[in-house]
N, C-alpha and C. Protein backbone atom coordinates (compact mmCIF):
# COMPACT_ATOMS: atom_id res chain seq x y z
N MET A 1 128.86 155.37 186.97
CA MET A 1 129.47 154.20 187.57
C MET A 1 130.94 154.54 187.80
N ILE A 2 131.35 154.49 189.05
CA ILE A 2 132.70 154.87 189.41
C ILE A 2 133.47 153.64 189.87
N PRO A 3 134.62 153.33 189.24
CA PRO A 3 135.40 152.18 189.69
C PRO A 3 136.03 152.45 191.05
N VAL A 4 136.16 151.40 191.84
CA VAL A 4 136.82 151.53 193.14
C VAL A 4 138.32 151.67 192.87
N THR A 5 138.91 152.73 193.39
CA THR A 5 140.34 152.96 193.20
C THR A 5 141.11 153.02 194.52
N ASP A 6 140.39 153.15 195.63
CA ASP A 6 141.04 153.23 196.93
C ASP A 6 140.12 152.58 197.97
N ILE A 7 140.51 151.41 198.45
CA ILE A 7 139.63 150.70 199.39
C ILE A 7 139.54 151.40 200.73
N THR A 8 140.49 152.26 201.05
CA THR A 8 140.43 152.97 202.32
C THR A 8 139.30 154.00 202.35
N LYS A 9 138.79 154.37 201.17
CA LYS A 9 137.69 155.34 201.11
C LYS A 9 136.32 154.68 201.19
N LEU A 10 136.27 153.35 201.13
CA LEU A 10 135.00 152.65 201.26
C LEU A 10 134.56 152.66 202.72
N VAL A 11 133.26 152.78 202.93
CA VAL A 11 132.73 152.77 204.29
C VAL A 11 131.88 151.52 204.50
N GLN A 12 131.82 151.07 205.73
CA GLN A 12 131.04 149.88 206.05
C GLN A 12 129.59 150.08 205.64
N GLY A 13 129.04 149.09 204.93
CA GLY A 13 127.66 149.16 204.48
C GLY A 13 127.50 149.76 203.10
N GLN A 14 128.57 150.25 202.50
CA GLN A 14 128.48 150.86 201.17
C GLN A 14 128.14 149.80 200.12
N GLU A 15 127.19 150.14 199.25
CA GLU A 15 126.78 149.21 198.21
C GLU A 15 127.78 149.24 197.06
N LEU A 16 128.13 148.06 196.59
CA LEU A 16 129.06 147.91 195.48
C LEU A 16 128.45 146.95 194.47
N ILE A 17 128.91 147.05 193.24
CA ILE A 17 128.59 146.02 192.26
C ILE A 17 129.90 145.47 191.73
N ARG A 18 129.85 144.21 191.34
CA ARG A 18 131.00 143.56 190.72
C ARG A 18 130.55 143.15 189.33
N VAL A 19 131.29 143.56 188.33
CA VAL A 19 130.98 143.22 186.96
C VAL A 19 131.98 142.15 186.52
N LEU A 20 131.45 140.98 186.21
CA LEU A 20 132.30 139.85 185.84
C LEU A 20 131.62 139.09 184.71
N ASN A 21 132.27 139.04 183.56
CA ASN A 21 131.73 138.35 182.39
C ASN A 21 130.34 138.84 182.01
N GLY A 22 130.14 140.13 182.07
CA GLY A 22 128.87 140.71 181.67
C GLY A 22 127.77 140.58 182.70
N GLU A 23 128.03 139.94 183.81
CA GLU A 23 127.02 139.79 184.86
C GLU A 23 127.30 140.78 185.99
N VAL A 24 126.24 141.27 186.56
CA VAL A 24 126.35 142.23 187.64
C VAL A 24 125.99 141.53 188.95
N HIS A 25 126.90 141.61 189.93
CA HIS A 25 126.68 141.01 191.24
C HIS A 25 126.70 142.12 192.27
N TYR A 26 125.76 142.05 193.21
CA TYR A 26 125.61 143.10 194.22
C TYR A 26 126.30 142.69 195.52
N TYR A 27 127.01 143.65 196.13
CA TYR A 27 127.72 143.41 197.37
C TYR A 27 127.55 144.60 198.31
N GLU A 28 127.88 144.33 199.55
CA GLU A 28 127.94 145.38 200.57
C GLU A 28 129.33 145.30 201.19
N PHE A 29 130.03 146.42 201.22
CA PHE A 29 131.37 146.44 201.79
C PHE A 29 131.29 146.24 203.30
N LEU A 30 132.10 145.33 203.83
CA LEU A 30 132.13 145.11 205.27
C LEU A 30 133.36 145.74 205.91
N MET A 31 134.54 145.32 205.46
CA MET A 31 135.76 145.83 206.08
C MET A 31 137.00 145.35 205.35
N ILE A 32 138.10 146.02 205.63
CA ILE A 32 139.41 145.54 205.17
C ILE A 32 139.82 144.44 206.14
N HIS A 33 140.44 143.40 205.62
CA HIS A 33 140.85 142.27 206.46
C HIS A 33 141.70 142.79 207.62
N PRO A 34 141.40 142.39 208.86
CA PRO A 34 142.12 142.94 210.01
C PRO A 34 143.59 142.52 210.10
N HIS A 35 143.95 141.41 209.49
CA HIS A 35 145.33 140.93 209.60
C HIS A 35 146.12 141.02 208.30
N ASN A 36 145.43 141.28 207.20
CA ASN A 36 146.10 141.37 205.90
C ASN A 36 145.39 142.43 205.06
N PRO A 37 145.95 143.63 204.97
CA PRO A 37 145.29 144.72 204.25
C PRO A 37 145.20 144.50 202.74
N GLU A 38 145.72 143.40 202.24
CA GLU A 38 145.61 143.09 200.81
C GLU A 38 144.24 142.49 200.47
N TYR A 39 143.42 142.20 201.48
CA TYR A 39 142.11 141.60 201.27
C TYR A 39 141.01 142.48 201.87
N VAL A 40 139.82 142.36 201.27
CA VAL A 40 138.64 143.04 201.82
C VAL A 40 137.52 142.01 201.95
N PHE A 41 136.61 142.28 202.87
CA PHE A 41 135.43 141.44 203.04
C PHE A 41 134.21 142.21 202.54
N CYS A 42 133.40 141.52 201.74
CA CYS A 42 132.15 142.07 201.25
C CYS A 42 131.06 141.02 201.46
N MET A 43 129.84 141.49 201.70
CA MET A 43 128.72 140.57 201.86
C MET A 43 127.99 140.49 200.53
N ASN A 44 127.73 139.25 200.09
CA ASN A 44 127.03 139.07 198.82
C ASN A 44 125.52 139.13 199.03
N PHE A 45 124.76 138.93 197.96
CA PHE A 45 123.30 139.04 198.04
C PHE A 45 122.68 137.95 198.90
N CYS A 46 123.42 136.88 199.16
CA CYS A 46 122.92 135.80 200.03
C CYS A 46 123.26 136.07 201.50
N LYS A 47 123.79 137.23 201.78
CA LYS A 47 124.19 137.63 203.13
C LYS A 47 125.32 136.77 203.66
N ARG A 48 126.23 136.38 202.77
CA ARG A 48 127.43 135.63 203.15
C ARG A 48 128.65 136.48 202.83
N ALA A 49 129.59 136.49 203.76
CA ALA A 49 130.81 137.27 203.55
C ALA A 49 131.71 136.56 202.56
N GLU A 50 132.32 137.35 201.68
CA GLU A 50 133.30 136.84 200.74
C GLU A 50 134.56 137.68 200.86
N ARG A 51 135.69 137.03 200.68
CA ARG A 51 136.97 137.73 200.75
C ARG A 51 137.49 137.94 199.34
N PHE A 52 137.94 139.16 199.05
CA PHE A 52 138.47 139.49 197.73
C PHE A 52 139.85 140.10 197.88
N TYR A 53 140.72 139.73 196.95
CA TYR A 53 142.04 140.35 196.89
C TYR A 53 141.88 141.79 196.40
N LYS A 54 142.66 142.68 196.93
CA LYS A 54 142.52 144.10 196.63
C LYS A 54 142.56 144.39 195.12
N SER A 55 143.42 143.71 194.37
CA SER A 55 143.51 143.98 192.93
C SER A 55 142.23 143.57 192.21
N GLU A 56 141.52 142.55 192.70
CA GLU A 56 140.23 142.18 192.12
C GLU A 56 139.21 143.31 192.30
N VAL A 57 139.24 143.91 193.48
CA VAL A 57 138.31 144.99 193.78
C VAL A 57 138.55 146.16 192.84
N TYR A 58 139.80 146.50 192.58
CA TYR A 58 140.11 147.62 191.71
C TYR A 58 139.70 147.37 190.26
N LYS A 59 139.73 146.13 189.82
CA LYS A 59 139.42 145.82 188.43
C LYS A 59 137.94 145.59 188.17
N GLN A 60 137.20 145.11 189.17
CA GLN A 60 135.85 144.60 188.91
C GLN A 60 134.73 145.26 189.72
N PHE A 61 135.04 146.08 190.71
CA PHE A 61 134.01 146.64 191.59
C PHE A 61 133.77 148.12 191.29
N PHE A 62 132.49 148.53 191.44
CA PHE A 62 132.10 149.90 191.14
C PHE A 62 131.14 150.42 192.20
N THR A 63 131.12 151.75 192.35
CA THR A 63 130.17 152.43 193.24
C THR A 63 129.39 153.44 192.40
N ASP A 64 128.42 154.07 192.99
CA ASP A 64 127.64 155.15 192.36
C ASP A 64 127.18 154.77 190.95
N TYR A 65 126.41 153.71 190.86
CA TYR A 65 125.94 153.21 189.57
C TYR A 65 124.45 153.50 189.42
N THR A 66 124.01 153.54 188.18
CA THR A 66 122.59 153.75 187.87
C THR A 66 122.08 152.53 187.11
N ASP A 67 120.78 152.45 186.96
CA ASP A 67 120.18 151.37 186.16
C ASP A 67 120.70 151.42 184.73
N ARG A 68 120.87 152.61 184.21
CA ARG A 68 121.39 152.77 182.84
C ARG A 68 122.80 152.17 182.74
N ASP A 69 123.64 152.40 183.75
CA ASP A 69 124.99 151.82 183.76
C ASP A 69 124.94 150.30 183.69
N LEU A 70 124.05 149.71 184.48
CA LEU A 70 123.95 148.25 184.53
C LEU A 70 123.49 147.68 183.19
N ILE A 71 122.52 148.35 182.58
CA ILE A 71 122.02 147.90 181.27
C ILE A 71 123.12 148.03 180.22
N ASN A 72 123.87 149.12 180.25
CA ASN A 72 124.96 149.31 179.29
C ASN A 72 126.04 148.25 179.45
N VAL A 73 126.38 147.89 180.67
CA VAL A 73 127.40 146.86 180.90
C VAL A 73 126.95 145.54 180.29
N ARG A 74 125.71 145.16 180.56
CA ARG A 74 125.20 143.90 180.03
C ARG A 74 125.09 143.93 178.51
N ARG A 75 124.65 145.05 177.96
CA ARG A 75 124.53 145.19 176.50
C ARG A 75 125.90 145.12 175.82
N ASP A 76 126.89 145.83 176.37
CA ASP A 76 128.22 145.83 175.78
C ASP A 76 128.82 144.43 175.78
N TYR A 77 128.63 143.69 176.86
CA TYR A 77 129.16 142.34 176.92
C TYR A 77 128.45 141.44 175.90
N ALA A 78 127.14 141.59 175.76
CA ALA A 78 126.40 140.78 174.80
C ALA A 78 126.85 141.09 173.38
N LEU A 79 127.08 142.36 173.05
CA LEU A 79 127.54 142.73 171.72
C LEU A 79 128.94 142.18 171.46
N LYS A 80 129.80 142.22 172.47
CA LYS A 80 131.15 141.67 172.32
C LYS A 80 131.09 140.16 172.07
N THR A 81 130.25 139.47 172.81
CA THR A 81 130.09 138.03 172.65
C THR A 81 129.54 137.70 171.26
N LEU A 82 128.57 138.46 170.81
CA LEU A 82 127.98 138.25 169.49
C LEU A 82 129.03 138.45 168.39
N LYS A 83 129.85 139.48 168.54
CA LYS A 83 130.90 139.74 167.56
C LYS A 83 131.91 138.58 167.53
N GLU A 84 132.26 138.04 168.70
CA GLU A 84 133.18 136.91 168.75
C GLU A 84 132.58 135.67 168.08
N CYS A 85 131.28 135.44 168.28
CA CYS A 85 130.60 134.31 167.64
C CYS A 85 130.56 134.48 166.13
N ASP A 86 130.29 135.69 165.66
CA ASP A 86 130.28 135.95 164.22
C ASP A 86 131.65 135.70 163.61
N MET A 87 132.71 136.11 164.30
CA MET A 87 134.07 135.87 163.80
C MET A 87 134.38 134.38 163.75
N ALA A 88 133.95 133.63 164.76
CA ALA A 88 134.19 132.19 164.79
C ALA A 88 133.45 131.50 163.65
N LEU A 89 132.23 131.93 163.39
CA LEU A 89 131.47 131.35 162.27
C LEU A 89 132.12 131.68 160.93
N LYS A 90 132.63 132.88 160.80
CA LYS A 90 133.29 133.28 159.57
C LYS A 90 134.55 132.45 159.35
N GLU A 91 135.32 132.21 160.41
CA GLU A 91 136.52 131.39 160.31
C GLU A 91 136.19 129.94 159.99
N LEU A 92 135.09 129.46 160.50
CA LEU A 92 134.66 128.09 160.26
C LEU A 92 134.25 127.91 158.79
N GLY A 93 133.67 128.94 158.21
CA GLY A 93 133.29 128.91 156.80
C GLY A 93 132.30 127.81 156.50
N ASP A 94 132.62 126.98 155.49
CA ASP A 94 131.72 125.92 155.05
C ASP A 94 131.93 124.62 155.82
N LYS A 95 132.88 124.58 156.73
CA LYS A 95 133.12 123.36 157.48
C LYS A 95 131.96 123.07 158.42
N ASP A 96 131.69 121.76 158.62
CA ASP A 96 130.57 121.38 159.48
C ASP A 96 130.95 121.26 160.95
N ASN A 97 132.22 120.99 161.23
CA ASN A 97 132.63 120.93 162.63
C ASN A 97 134.06 121.47 162.76
N LEU A 98 134.50 121.66 163.98
CA LEU A 98 135.79 122.28 164.24
C LEU A 98 136.98 121.36 163.93
N LYS A 99 136.76 120.04 163.82
CA LYS A 99 137.86 119.11 163.60
C LYS A 99 138.33 119.07 162.15
N ASP A 100 137.54 119.59 161.22
CA ASP A 100 137.93 119.57 159.79
C ASP A 100 139.02 120.56 159.51
């Protein structure tokens, strides 16, 4: 799984994934915005174009991914969430609700 680091190297029709909160979303790169190079257009799985700010693309979009990569992303997020829940329960201790 390779993160997008240069939008000028993306080609029209290239498959991308966006990883956001442990969920994987599939996109197809369409083009860099013709009037503002800070934005790119991608088509989502519903065949609707979406506009993304360039910094979002660099942080959340990937190319050249495998099924194993997708499973690892989802697993890592689930483990992180589980760890956060365990910490919250430990902090709560014997209290029955958060207002105590």
